[in-house]
């Protein structure tokens, strides 16, 4: 029989794998902010996307160029915030990597370690989730306040931002799941007697039967 805590950690591990995939995809997918601009007197629509590392346009060749680049050399709130968000998400990805490695070690380790590891895991998850939440809020704030790069009302939050929302939500669920489970752990619960213990029990019963 597999102990219940093993199932809990396996479920949390699978959820964090999904969160890691979404976070990684959002970092490299250039769709954090997107806008569509209709061309006057034409049915053509120009699409412009901002990613953490690239800016893509449907009317340029090549379609994607590094971003932010020389245009951000003067600094400014947008560029500073954009670089901070990029750094923050890489830190978040690092935390997720540590968490995944920790779960693998716990799944391969002893039951005693699994019974006591939920607190540090919950703390690491909370830090990672706070970083992702701050990055989401920062990009949303830029959309509401920037009057230089995002001056047009055509700008919208893109797929990459949504991916982090999903990853953020998964992390929150895993935190609640971990804490609730940890608070209800009874040391040594849901485990079968070890083989030596069963042998000793069998020997005792045999001895009793011969008395």
N, C-alpha and C. Protein backbone atom coordinates (compact mmCIF):
# COMPACT_ATOMS: atom_id res chain seq x y z
N UNK A 1 0.84 -1.20 0.00
CA UNK A 1 0.00 0.00 0.00
C UNK A 1 0.88 1.26 0.00
N UNK A 2 0.55 2.17 -0.83
CA UNK A 2 1.31 3.42 -0.89
C UNK A 2 0.74 4.40 0.14
N UNK A 3 1.60 4.99 0.94
CA UNK A 3 1.13 5.92 1.95
C UNK A 3 0.45 7.13 1.30
N UNK A 4 -0.49 7.70 2.02
CA UNK A 4 -1.27 8.82 1.48
C UNK A 4 -0.39 10.03 1.19
N UNK A 5 0.61 10.27 2.04
CA UNK A 5 1.47 11.43 1.84
C UNK A 5 2.25 11.34 0.55
N UNK A 6 2.61 10.12 0.14
CA UNK A 6 3.28 9.92 -1.14
C UNK A 6 2.38 10.39 -2.29
N UNK A 7 1.10 10.07 -2.21
CA UNK A 7 0.15 10.50 -3.24
C UNK A 7 0.03 12.02 -3.28
N UNK A 8 0.02 12.63 -2.10
CA UNK A 8 -0.06 14.09 -2.02
C UNK A 8 1.13 14.73 -2.72
N UNK A 9 2.33 14.24 -2.44
CA UNK A 9 3.53 14.81 -3.04
C UNK A 9 3.60 14.54 -4.54
N UNK A 10 3.14 13.38 -4.96
CA UNK A 10 3.11 13.09 -6.40
C UNK A 10 2.18 14.05 -7.13
N UNK A 11 1.02 14.31 -6.53
CA UNK A 11 0.07 15.25 -7.13
C UNK A 11 0.65 16.65 -7.20
N UNK A 12 1.26 17.10 -6.11
CA UNK A 12 1.87 18.43 -6.08
C UNK A 12 3.01 18.53 -7.09
N UNK A 13 3.79 17.48 -7.21
CA UNK A 13 4.90 17.47 -8.16
C UNK A 13 4.39 17.61 -9.59
N UNK A 14 3.35 16.85 -9.93
CA UNK A 14 2.77 16.93 -11.27
C UNK A 14 2.24 18.33 -11.56
N UNK A 15 1.59 18.93 -10.57
CA UNK A 15 1.06 20.29 -10.75
C UNK A 15 2.18 21.30 -10.96
N UNK A 16 3.28 21.15 -10.23
CA UNK A 16 4.40 22.09 -10.37
C UNK A 16 5.15 21.89 -11.68
N UNK A 17 5.13 20.68 -12.22
CA UNK A 17 5.70 20.47 -13.55
C UNK A 17 4.94 21.31 -14.57
N UNK A 18 3.61 21.29 -14.47
CA UNK A 18 2.78 22.09 -15.37
C UNK A 18 3.07 23.58 -15.17
N UNK A 19 3.16 24.02 -13.92
CA UNK A 19 3.46 25.42 -13.62
C UNK A 19 4.81 25.82 -14.20
N UNK A 20 5.80 24.93 -14.11
CA UNK A 20 7.13 25.21 -14.66
C UNK A 20 7.10 25.34 -16.17
N UNK A 21 6.36 24.45 -16.82
CA UNK A 21 6.23 24.51 -18.29
C UNK A 21 5.58 25.82 -18.71
N UNK A 22 4.52 26.22 -18.03
CA UNK A 22 3.82 27.46 -18.36
C UNK A 22 4.73 28.67 -18.13
N UNK A 23 5.47 28.66 -17.01
CA UNK A 23 6.37 29.78 -16.71
C UNK A 23 7.47 29.90 -17.76
N UNK A 24 8.07 28.77 -18.11
CA UNK A 24 9.13 28.77 -19.12
C UNK A 24 8.60 29.25 -20.47
N UNK A 25 7.44 28.76 -20.85
CA UNK A 25 6.84 29.17 -22.13
C UNK A 25 6.56 30.67 -22.14
N UNK A 26 6.07 31.21 -21.04
CA UNK A 26 5.74 32.64 -20.99
C UNK A 26 6.98 33.52 -21.12
N UNK A 27 8.11 33.02 -20.62
CA UNK A 27 9.35 33.80 -20.69
C UNK A 27 9.80 33.96 -22.14
N UNK A 28 9.67 32.91 -22.92
CA UNK A 28 10.21 32.93 -24.28
C UNK A 28 9.16 33.19 -25.37
N UNK A 29 7.88 33.12 -25.01
CA UNK A 29 6.83 33.43 -25.98
C UNK A 29 6.62 34.95 -26.02
N UNK A 30 6.82 35.58 -27.18
CA UNK A 30 6.75 37.06 -27.23
C UNK A 30 5.33 37.60 -27.33
N UNK A 31 4.52 37.29 -26.33
CA UNK A 31 3.13 37.76 -26.35
C UNK A 31 2.68 38.23 -24.97
N UNK A 32 3.50 39.05 -24.31
CA UNK A 32 3.09 39.59 -23.02
C UNK A 32 2.08 40.72 -23.20
N UNK A 33 2.36 41.58 -24.15
CA UNK A 33 1.42 42.65 -24.51
C UNK A 33 1.24 42.62 -26.02
N UNK A 34 0.01 42.76 -26.45
CA UNK A 34 -0.27 42.67 -27.88
C UNK A 34 -1.24 43.76 -28.30
N UNK A 35 -1.08 44.22 -29.54
CA UNK A 35 -1.97 45.26 -30.07
C UNK A 35 -2.20 45.02 -31.56
N UNK A 36 -3.37 45.41 -32.03
CA UNK A 36 -3.71 45.34 -33.46
C UNK A 36 -4.10 46.74 -33.92
N UNK A 37 -3.45 47.19 -34.99
CA UNK A 37 -3.68 48.54 -35.52
C UNK A 37 -4.21 48.43 -36.94
N UNK A 38 -5.46 48.83 -37.19
CA UNK A 38 -5.99 48.81 -38.56
C UNK A 38 -5.33 49.88 -39.42
N UNK A 39 -5.04 49.55 -40.66
CA UNK A 39 -4.45 50.49 -41.60
C UNK A 39 -5.57 51.28 -42.28
N UNK A 40 -5.47 52.60 -42.23
CA UNK A 40 -6.51 53.45 -42.80
C UNK A 40 -6.68 53.17 -44.30
N UNK A 41 -7.93 53.04 -44.73
CA UNK A 41 -8.25 52.81 -46.13
C UNK A 41 -7.90 51.42 -46.61
N UNK A 42 -7.68 50.50 -45.69
CA UNK A 42 -7.30 49.13 -46.06
C UNK A 42 -7.88 48.16 -45.04
N UNK A 43 -8.01 46.91 -45.48
CA UNK A 43 -8.48 45.87 -44.56
C UNK A 43 -7.32 45.25 -43.78
N UNK A 44 -6.12 45.72 -44.07
CA UNK A 44 -4.94 45.17 -43.41
C UNK A 44 -4.89 45.59 -41.93
N UNK A 45 -4.44 44.69 -41.11
CA UNK A 45 -4.27 44.95 -39.68
C UNK A 45 -2.83 44.65 -39.30
N UNK A 46 -2.19 45.61 -38.67
CA UNK A 46 -0.82 45.43 -38.20
C UNK A 46 -0.86 44.94 -36.77
N UNK A 47 -0.14 43.86 -36.53
CA UNK A 47 -0.08 43.30 -35.17
C UNK A 47 1.29 43.58 -34.57
N UNK A 48 1.30 44.01 -33.32
CA UNK A 48 2.54 44.29 -32.60
C UNK A 48 2.49 43.57 -31.26
N UNK A 49 3.58 42.86 -30.96
CA UNK A 49 3.66 42.10 -29.71
C UNK A 49 4.94 42.43 -28.97
N UNK A 50 4.83 42.55 -27.66
CA UNK A 50 6.00 42.72 -26.80
C UNK A 50 6.19 41.45 -25.99
N UNK A 51 7.39 40.87 -26.10
CA UNK A 51 7.78 39.77 -25.24
C UNK A 51 8.87 40.23 -24.29
N UNK A 52 9.27 39.38 -23.39
CA UNK A 52 10.30 39.77 -22.44
C UNK A 52 11.64 39.97 -23.12
N UNK A 53 11.85 39.27 -24.26
CA UNK A 53 13.13 39.36 -24.96
C UNK A 53 13.00 39.87 -26.39
N UNK A 54 11.79 39.90 -26.93
CA UNK A 54 11.60 40.27 -28.34
C UNK A 54 10.39 41.17 -28.52
N UNK A 55 10.49 41.99 -29.57
CA UNK A 55 9.34 42.76 -30.04
C UNK A 55 9.05 42.29 -31.46
N UNK A 56 7.80 41.92 -31.71
CA UNK A 56 7.44 41.34 -33.00
C UNK A 56 6.38 42.20 -33.68
N UNK A 57 6.53 42.36 -34.98
CA UNK A 57 5.59 43.15 -35.77
C UNK A 57 5.28 42.42 -37.06
N UNK A 58 4.03 42.49 -37.49
CA UNK A 58 3.62 41.82 -38.73
C UNK A 58 4.07 42.56 -39.98
N UNK A 59 4.63 43.76 -39.84
CA UNK A 59 5.02 44.53 -41.02
C UNK A 59 6.53 44.70 -41.16
N UNK A 60 7.32 44.07 -40.32
CA UNK A 60 8.77 44.21 -40.40
C UNK A 60 9.41 42.89 -40.81
N UNK A 61 10.62 42.98 -41.32
CA UNK A 61 11.41 41.81 -41.71
C UNK A 61 12.85 42.02 -41.25
N UNK A 62 13.33 41.25 -40.29
CA UNK A 62 12.65 40.12 -39.65
C UNK A 62 11.48 40.57 -38.77
N UNK A 63 10.58 39.65 -38.55
CA UNK A 63 9.36 40.02 -37.83
C UNK A 63 9.62 40.30 -36.36
N UNK A 64 10.67 39.72 -35.78
CA UNK A 64 10.97 39.91 -34.36
C UNK A 64 12.39 40.43 -34.18
N UNK A 65 12.55 41.38 -33.30
CA UNK A 65 13.86 41.97 -32.99
C UNK A 65 14.04 41.97 -31.47
N UNK A 66 15.30 42.02 -31.01
CA UNK A 66 15.53 42.04 -29.56
C UNK A 66 14.82 43.21 -28.89
N UNK A 67 14.31 42.94 -27.70
CA UNK A 67 13.59 43.98 -26.95
C UNK A 67 13.70 43.67 -25.46
N UNK A 68 13.90 44.67 -24.64
CA UNK A 68 14.22 46.05 -24.99
C UNK A 68 15.67 46.18 -25.44
N UNK A 69 15.91 47.06 -26.40
CA UNK A 69 17.24 47.23 -26.98
C UNK A 69 17.69 48.67 -26.81
N UNK A 70 18.28 49.24 -27.90
CA UNK A 70 18.79 50.60 -27.82
C UNK A 70 17.72 51.61 -27.46
N UNK A 71 16.49 51.32 -27.84
CA UNK A 71 15.40 52.26 -27.56
C UNK A 71 15.15 52.43 -26.07
N UNK A 72 15.68 51.50 -25.28
CA UNK A 72 15.52 51.58 -23.84
C UNK A 72 16.78 52.06 -23.14
N UNK A 73 17.76 52.50 -23.91
CA UNK A 73 19.03 52.90 -23.30
C UNK A 73 18.86 54.13 -22.41
N UNK A 74 17.81 54.89 -22.66
CA UNK A 74 17.59 56.09 -21.84
C UNK A 74 16.93 55.77 -20.50
N UNK A 75 16.55 54.49 -20.33
CA UNK A 75 15.91 54.10 -19.07
C UNK A 75 14.42 54.34 -19.13
N UNK A 76 13.89 54.90 -18.08
CA UNK A 76 12.45 55.14 -18.03
C UNK A 76 11.73 54.05 -17.27
N UNK A 77 10.52 54.34 -16.87
CA UNK A 77 9.75 53.42 -16.05
C UNK A 77 9.44 52.13 -16.79
N UNK A 78 9.06 52.23 -18.05
CA UNK A 78 8.70 51.03 -18.80
C UNK A 78 9.87 50.07 -18.88
N UNK A 79 11.01 50.56 -19.33
CA UNK A 79 12.17 49.69 -19.54
C UNK A 79 12.67 49.10 -18.23
N UNK A 80 12.72 49.93 -17.19
CA UNK A 80 13.17 49.42 -15.90
C UNK A 80 12.24 48.34 -15.37
N UNK A 81 10.93 48.57 -15.49
CA UNK A 81 9.96 47.58 -15.01
C UNK A 81 10.02 46.31 -15.84
N UNK A 82 10.18 46.47 -17.15
CA UNK A 82 10.22 45.31 -18.05
C UNK A 82 11.41 44.41 -17.72
N UNK A 83 12.57 45.03 -17.49
CA UNK A 83 13.76 44.24 -17.14
C UNK A 83 13.61 43.59 -15.77
N UNK A 84 12.94 44.28 -14.84
CA UNK A 84 12.72 43.71 -13.52
C UNK A 84 11.79 42.51 -13.59
N UNK A 85 10.74 42.61 -14.41
CA UNK A 85 9.82 41.49 -14.59
C UNK A 85 10.56 40.29 -15.18
N UNK A 86 11.41 40.55 -16.18
CA UNK A 86 12.18 39.47 -16.79
C UNK A 86 13.06 38.78 -15.75
N UNK A 87 13.77 39.57 -14.95
CA UNK A 87 14.63 39.01 -13.91
C UNK A 87 13.80 38.23 -12.89
N UNK A 88 12.66 38.80 -12.50
CA UNK A 88 11.80 38.16 -11.51
C UNK A 88 11.32 36.80 -11.97
N UNK A 89 10.96 36.68 -13.24
CA UNK A 89 10.45 35.40 -13.73
C UNK A 89 11.56 34.36 -13.84
N UNK A 90 12.78 34.79 -14.11
CA UNK A 90 13.89 33.84 -14.09
C UNK A 90 14.14 33.35 -12.66
N UNK A 91 14.01 34.25 -11.70
CA UNK A 91 14.14 33.84 -10.29
C UNK A 91 13.02 32.87 -9.93
N UNK A 92 11.81 33.16 -10.39
CA UNK A 92 10.68 32.26 -10.15
C UNK A 92 10.96 30.88 -10.73
N UNK A 93 11.53 30.86 -11.93
CA UNK A 93 11.86 29.59 -12.58
C UNK A 93 12.91 28.83 -11.78
N UNK A 94 13.85 29.57 -11.21
CA UNK A 94 14.87 28.95 -10.36
C UNK A 94 14.23 28.30 -9.13
N UNK A 95 13.31 29.02 -8.49
CA UNK A 95 12.61 28.46 -7.33
C UNK A 95 11.83 27.21 -7.72
N UNK A 96 11.18 27.24 -8.88
CA UNK A 96 10.43 26.07 -9.32
C UNK A 96 11.36 24.88 -9.54
N UNK A 97 12.55 25.14 -10.07
CA UNK A 97 13.52 24.06 -10.25
C UNK A 97 13.94 23.45 -8.92
N UNK A 98 14.18 24.31 -7.94
CA UNK A 98 14.54 23.83 -6.60
C UNK A 98 13.40 23.01 -6.00
N UNK A 99 12.18 23.49 -6.18
CA UNK A 99 11.02 22.78 -5.65
C UNK A 99 10.86 21.40 -6.30
N UNK A 100 11.02 21.34 -7.61
CA UNK A 100 10.89 20.05 -8.30
C UNK A 100 11.96 19.08 -7.83
N UNK A 101 13.20 19.57 -7.68
CA UNK A 101 14.27 18.71 -7.18
C UNK A 101 13.97 18.23 -5.76
N UNK A 102 13.40 19.12 -4.95
CA UNK A 102 13.07 18.76 -3.57
C UNK A 102 11.99 17.68 -3.54
N UNK A 103 10.98 17.82 -4.38
CA UNK A 103 9.93 16.82 -4.42
C UNK A 103 10.47 15.46 -4.87
N UNK A 104 11.37 15.47 -5.86
CA UNK A 104 11.96 14.20 -6.31
C UNK A 104 12.74 13.54 -5.17
N UNK A 105 13.52 14.36 -4.44
CA UNK A 105 14.28 13.82 -3.32
C UNK A 105 13.36 13.25 -2.24
N UNK A 106 12.26 13.94 -1.97
CA UNK A 106 11.32 13.47 -0.94
C UNK A 106 10.61 12.20 -1.38
N UNK A 107 10.24 12.13 -2.65
CA UNK A 107 9.55 10.94 -3.14
C UNK A 107 10.46 9.72 -3.09
N UNK A 108 11.77 9.96 -3.25
CA UNK A 108 12.72 8.86 -3.19
C UNK A 108 13.23 8.60 -1.78
N UNK A 109 12.91 9.48 -0.84
CA UNK A 109 13.42 9.37 0.52
C UNK A 109 12.48 8.64 1.45
N UNK A 110 12.70 8.85 2.72
CA UNK A 110 11.94 8.15 3.75
C UNK A 110 10.62 8.85 4.05
N UNK A 111 9.71 8.09 4.68
CA UNK A 111 8.43 8.66 5.07
C UNK A 111 8.60 9.75 6.12
N UNK A 112 9.57 9.56 7.00
CA UNK A 112 9.81 10.55 8.06
C UNK A 112 10.14 11.92 7.48
N UNK A 113 10.93 11.94 6.41
CA UNK A 113 11.27 13.22 5.78
C UNK A 113 10.04 13.85 5.13
N UNK A 114 9.23 13.03 4.52
CA UNK A 114 8.02 13.56 3.88
C UNK A 114 7.06 14.16 4.90
N UNK A 115 7.07 13.61 6.11
CA UNK A 115 6.15 14.10 7.13
C UNK A 115 6.55 15.45 7.69
N UNK A 116 7.82 15.84 7.54
CA UNK A 116 8.30 17.10 8.12
C UNK A 116 8.66 18.15 7.06
N UNK A 117 8.65 17.77 5.78
CA UNK A 117 9.15 18.67 4.73
C UNK A 117 8.11 19.65 4.22
N UNK A 118 6.85 19.49 4.62
CA UNK A 118 5.82 20.33 4.02
C UNK A 118 5.98 21.81 4.36
N UNK A 119 6.53 22.12 5.55
CA UNK A 119 6.69 23.53 5.93
C UNK A 119 7.68 24.27 5.03
N UNK A 120 8.92 23.78 4.87
CA UNK A 120 9.83 24.49 3.96
C UNK A 120 9.34 24.51 2.51
N UNK A 121 8.66 23.45 2.09
CA UNK A 121 8.10 23.44 0.74
C UNK A 121 7.05 24.54 0.58
N UNK A 122 6.20 24.68 1.59
CA UNK A 122 5.16 25.72 1.53
C UNK A 122 5.78 27.11 1.51
N UNK A 123 6.87 27.31 2.24
CA UNK A 123 7.55 28.62 2.25
C UNK A 123 8.14 28.92 0.87
N UNK A 124 8.84 27.94 0.27
CA UNK A 124 9.41 28.15 -1.06
C UNK A 124 8.31 28.43 -2.09
N UNK A 125 7.22 27.70 -1.99
CA UNK A 125 6.10 27.93 -2.90
C UNK A 125 5.51 29.32 -2.72
N UNK A 126 5.41 29.76 -1.48
CA UNK A 126 4.85 31.09 -1.22
C UNK A 126 5.74 32.17 -1.80
N UNK A 127 7.05 32.02 -1.67
CA UNK A 127 7.99 33.01 -2.23
C UNK A 127 7.86 33.04 -3.75
N UNK A 128 7.84 31.87 -4.37
CA UNK A 128 7.72 31.79 -5.82
C UNK A 128 6.41 32.41 -6.30
N UNK A 129 5.33 32.11 -5.61
CA UNK A 129 4.03 32.65 -5.99
C UNK A 129 3.98 34.16 -5.82
N UNK A 130 4.62 34.68 -4.77
CA UNK A 130 4.67 36.12 -4.56
C UNK A 130 5.43 36.81 -5.69
N UNK A 131 6.52 36.19 -6.14
CA UNK A 131 7.30 36.76 -7.25
C UNK A 131 6.45 36.81 -8.51
N UNK A 132 5.77 35.72 -8.81
CA UNK A 132 4.93 35.70 -10.01
C UNK A 132 3.80 36.72 -9.91
N UNK A 133 3.20 36.83 -8.74
CA UNK A 133 2.13 37.81 -8.57
C UNK A 133 2.63 39.23 -8.77
N UNK A 134 3.83 39.53 -8.26
CA UNK A 134 4.40 40.87 -8.43
C UNK A 134 4.67 41.16 -9.91
N UNK A 135 5.15 40.16 -10.64
CA UNK A 135 5.41 40.35 -12.08
C UNK A 135 4.11 40.59 -12.84
N UNK A 136 3.08 39.84 -12.51
CA UNK A 136 1.78 40.05 -13.15
C UNK A 136 1.26 41.46 -12.89
N UNK A 137 1.36 41.89 -11.64
CA UNK A 137 0.86 43.21 -11.28
C UNK A 137 1.67 44.31 -11.96
N UNK A 138 2.98 44.11 -12.10
CA UNK A 138 3.83 45.12 -12.72
C UNK A 138 3.47 45.33 -14.19
N UNK A 139 3.26 44.24 -14.91
CA UNK A 139 2.90 44.36 -16.33
C UNK A 139 1.51 44.96 -16.47
N UNK A 140 0.59 44.56 -15.63
CA UNK A 140 -0.75 45.14 -15.66
C UNK A 140 -0.68 46.64 -15.37
N UNK A 141 0.18 47.02 -14.42
CA UNK A 141 0.34 48.44 -14.09
C UNK A 141 0.88 49.24 -15.26
N UNK A 142 1.84 48.65 -16.00
CA UNK A 142 2.36 49.34 -17.18
C UNK A 142 1.27 49.57 -18.21
N UNK A 143 0.42 48.57 -18.40
CA UNK A 143 -0.67 48.71 -19.37
C UNK A 143 -1.59 49.86 -19.00
N UNK A 144 -1.74 50.12 -17.71
CA UNK A 144 -2.66 51.16 -17.26
C UNK A 144 -2.02 52.55 -17.24
N UNK A 145 -0.68 52.62 -17.09
CA UNK A 145 -0.04 53.91 -16.81
C UNK A 145 0.95 54.39 -17.87
N UNK A 146 1.51 53.49 -18.67
CA UNK A 146 2.55 53.92 -19.60
C UNK A 146 1.94 54.72 -20.77
N UNK A 147 2.52 55.89 -21.02
CA UNK A 147 2.02 56.76 -22.09
C UNK A 147 3.01 56.91 -23.24
N UNK A 148 4.05 56.08 -23.23
CA UNK A 148 5.04 56.17 -24.30
C UNK A 148 4.98 54.92 -25.19
N UNK A 149 5.31 53.77 -24.63
CA UNK A 149 5.30 52.54 -25.41
C UNK A 149 3.89 51.99 -25.59
N UNK A 150 3.00 52.31 -24.66
CA UNK A 150 1.65 51.76 -24.69
C UNK A 150 0.61 52.88 -24.74
N UNK A 151 0.90 53.88 -25.55
CA UNK A 151 0.04 55.07 -25.59
C UNK A 151 -1.33 54.76 -26.20
N UNK A 152 -1.39 53.79 -27.10
CA UNK A 152 -2.65 53.47 -27.76
C UNK A 152 -3.55 52.63 -26.87
N UNK A 153 -4.86 52.81 -27.04
CA UNK A 153 -5.83 51.99 -26.30
C UNK A 153 -5.97 50.59 -26.88
N UNK A 154 -5.24 50.31 -27.98
CA UNK A 154 -5.34 49.00 -28.62
C UNK A 154 -4.57 47.91 -27.87
N UNK A 155 -3.74 48.30 -26.94
CA UNK A 155 -2.90 47.32 -26.25
C UNK A 155 -3.73 46.47 -25.29
N UNK A 156 -3.42 45.16 -25.30
CA UNK A 156 -4.09 44.21 -24.42
C UNK A 156 -3.04 43.26 -23.82
N UNK A 157 -3.41 42.66 -22.70
CA UNK A 157 -2.56 41.62 -22.11
C UNK A 157 -2.59 40.39 -23.01
N UNK A 158 -1.42 39.79 -23.21
CA UNK A 158 -1.32 38.69 -24.17
C UNK A 158 -1.27 37.31 -23.54
N UNK A 159 -0.98 36.32 -24.38
CA UNK A 159 -1.00 34.93 -23.97
C UNK A 159 0.04 34.63 -22.90
N UNK A 160 1.20 35.24 -22.98
CA UNK A 160 2.25 34.97 -21.99
C UNK A 160 1.81 35.40 -20.60
N UNK A 161 1.16 36.55 -20.50
CA UNK A 161 0.65 37.02 -19.21
C UNK A 161 -0.38 36.04 -18.65
N UNK A 162 -1.23 35.54 -19.54
CA UNK A 162 -2.26 34.59 -19.12
C UNK A 162 -1.63 33.28 -18.63
N UNK A 163 -0.54 32.85 -19.28
CA UNK A 163 0.14 31.64 -18.85
C UNK A 163 0.66 31.77 -17.42
N UNK A 164 1.18 32.96 -17.08
CA UNK A 164 1.66 33.18 -15.72
C UNK A 164 0.49 33.24 -14.74
N UNK A 165 -0.65 33.76 -15.17
CA UNK A 165 -1.84 33.73 -14.31
C UNK A 165 -2.19 32.28 -13.97
N UNK A 166 -2.14 31.39 -14.96
CA UNK A 166 -2.44 29.98 -14.73
C UNK A 166 -1.40 29.36 -13.80
N UNK A 167 -0.11 29.65 -14.06
CA UNK A 167 0.96 29.12 -13.20
C UNK A 167 0.80 29.63 -11.77
N UNK A 168 0.48 30.90 -11.63
CA UNK A 168 0.26 31.52 -10.31
C UNK A 168 -0.88 30.82 -9.58
N UNK A 169 -1.97 30.55 -10.29
CA UNK A 169 -3.12 29.88 -9.69
C UNK A 169 -2.77 28.46 -9.27
N UNK A 170 -2.03 27.74 -10.12
CA UNK A 170 -1.60 26.38 -9.77
C UNK A 170 -0.77 26.41 -8.50
N UNK A 171 0.16 27.37 -8.41
CA UNK A 171 1.01 27.47 -7.21
C UNK A 171 0.17 27.71 -5.95
N UNK A 172 -0.82 28.60 -6.06
CA UNK A 172 -1.69 28.86 -4.92
C UNK A 172 -2.41 27.60 -4.46
N UNK A 173 -2.94 26.85 -5.41
CA UNK A 173 -3.66 25.62 -5.08
C UNK A 173 -2.72 24.62 -4.40
N UNK A 174 -1.49 24.51 -4.93
CA UNK A 174 -0.52 23.57 -4.35
C UNK A 174 -0.15 24.00 -2.93
N UNK A 175 -0.02 25.32 -2.70
CA UNK A 175 0.28 25.81 -1.35
C UNK A 175 -0.82 25.40 -0.38
N UNK A 176 -2.06 25.67 -0.74
CA UNK A 176 -3.19 25.33 0.13
C UNK A 176 -3.23 23.82 0.36
N UNK A 177 -3.06 23.07 -0.71
CA UNK A 177 -3.07 21.61 -0.65
C UNK A 177 -1.99 21.10 0.30
N UNK A 178 -0.79 21.68 0.18
CA UNK A 178 0.35 21.26 1.01
C UNK A 178 0.14 21.60 2.47
N UNK A 179 -0.31 22.82 2.75
CA UNK A 179 -0.49 23.26 4.13
C UNK A 179 -1.61 22.48 4.82
N UNK A 180 -2.73 22.33 4.14
CA UNK A 180 -3.85 21.60 4.73
C UNK A 180 -3.45 20.16 5.03
N UNK A 181 -2.76 19.53 4.08
CA UNK A 181 -2.30 18.15 4.30
C UNK A 181 -1.30 18.08 5.44
N UNK A 182 -0.34 19.03 5.46
CA UNK A 182 0.68 19.03 6.50
C UNK A 182 0.10 19.19 7.89
N UNK A 183 -0.90 20.03 8.02
CA UNK A 183 -1.51 20.27 9.33
C UNK A 183 -2.28 19.07 9.85
N UNK A 184 -2.63 18.15 8.96
CA UNK A 184 -3.39 16.97 9.37
C UNK A 184 -2.53 15.70 9.39
N UNK A 185 -1.22 15.86 9.26
CA UNK A 185 -0.35 14.69 9.27
C UNK A 185 -0.26 14.12 10.68
N UNK A 186 -0.41 12.81 10.76
CA UNK A 186 -0.15 12.09 12.01
C UNK A 186 1.11 11.27 11.78
N UNK A 187 2.17 11.53 12.52
CA UNK A 187 3.44 10.82 12.29
C UNK A 187 3.26 9.32 12.20
N UNK A 188 3.77 8.77 11.10
CA UNK A 188 3.71 7.32 10.91
C UNK A 188 2.37 6.80 10.46
N UNK A 189 1.47 7.71 10.01
CA UNK A 189 0.12 7.27 9.66
C UNK A 189 0.11 6.51 8.34
N UNK A 190 -0.93 5.73 8.20
CA UNK A 190 -1.20 5.03 6.94
C UNK A 190 -0.02 4.22 6.45
N UNK A 191 0.66 3.54 7.34
CA UNK A 191 1.77 2.72 6.91
C UNK A 191 1.58 1.30 7.42
N UNK A 192 2.14 0.35 6.71
CA UNK A 192 2.05 -1.06 7.10
C UNK A 192 3.22 -1.42 8.00
N UNK A 193 3.09 -2.45 8.86
CA UNK A 193 4.23 -2.88 9.67
C UNK A 193 5.38 -3.32 8.77
N UNK A 194 6.59 -3.05 9.19
CA UNK A 194 7.75 -3.47 8.41
C UNK A 194 7.88 -4.98 8.51
N UNK A 195 8.64 -5.58 7.61
CA UNK A 195 8.78 -7.02 7.60
C UNK A 195 9.38 -7.57 8.89
N UNK A 196 10.47 -6.93 9.44
CA UNK A 196 10.98 -7.43 10.73
C UNK A 196 9.92 -7.41 11.82
N UNK A 197 9.07 -6.37 11.83
CA UNK A 197 8.01 -6.30 12.83
C UNK A 197 7.02 -7.42 12.65
N UNK A 198 6.71 -7.74 11.40
CA UNK A 198 5.77 -8.82 11.14
C UNK A 198 6.36 -10.16 11.55
N UNK A 199 7.68 -10.33 11.34
CA UNK A 199 8.31 -11.58 11.76
C UNK A 199 8.26 -11.73 13.27
N UNK A 200 8.56 -10.63 13.99
CA UNK A 200 8.52 -10.68 15.45
C UNK A 200 7.11 -11.01 15.95
N UNK A 201 6.11 -10.42 15.26
CA UNK A 201 4.73 -10.70 15.64
C UNK A 201 4.38 -12.16 15.42
N UNK A 202 4.87 -12.72 14.28
CA UNK A 202 4.60 -14.12 13.97
C UNK A 202 5.27 -15.04 14.98
N UNK A 203 6.52 -14.69 15.36
CA UNK A 203 7.25 -15.50 16.36
C UNK A 203 6.54 -15.48 17.70
N UNK A 204 6.05 -14.31 18.11
CA UNK A 204 5.35 -14.19 19.39
C UNK A 204 4.08 -15.02 19.39
N UNK A 205 3.36 -15.01 18.30
CA UNK A 205 2.13 -15.79 18.21
C UNK A 205 2.42 -17.29 18.27
N UNK A 206 3.52 -17.70 17.59
CA UNK A 206 3.88 -19.11 17.59
C UNK A 206 4.24 -19.55 19.01
N UNK A 207 5.03 -18.71 19.72
CA UNK A 207 5.44 -19.03 21.08
C UNK A 207 4.23 -19.15 21.99
N UNK A 208 3.28 -18.25 21.80
CA UNK A 208 2.07 -18.26 22.64
C UNK A 208 1.26 -19.51 22.42
N UNK A 209 1.25 -19.99 21.19
CA UNK A 209 0.44 -21.16 20.87
C UNK A 209 1.01 -22.44 21.46
N UNK A 210 2.32 -22.42 21.80
CA UNK A 210 2.95 -23.60 22.35
C UNK A 210 2.97 -23.58 23.89
N UNK A 211 2.47 -22.52 24.49
CA UNK A 211 2.45 -22.43 25.96
C UNK A 211 1.32 -23.29 26.51
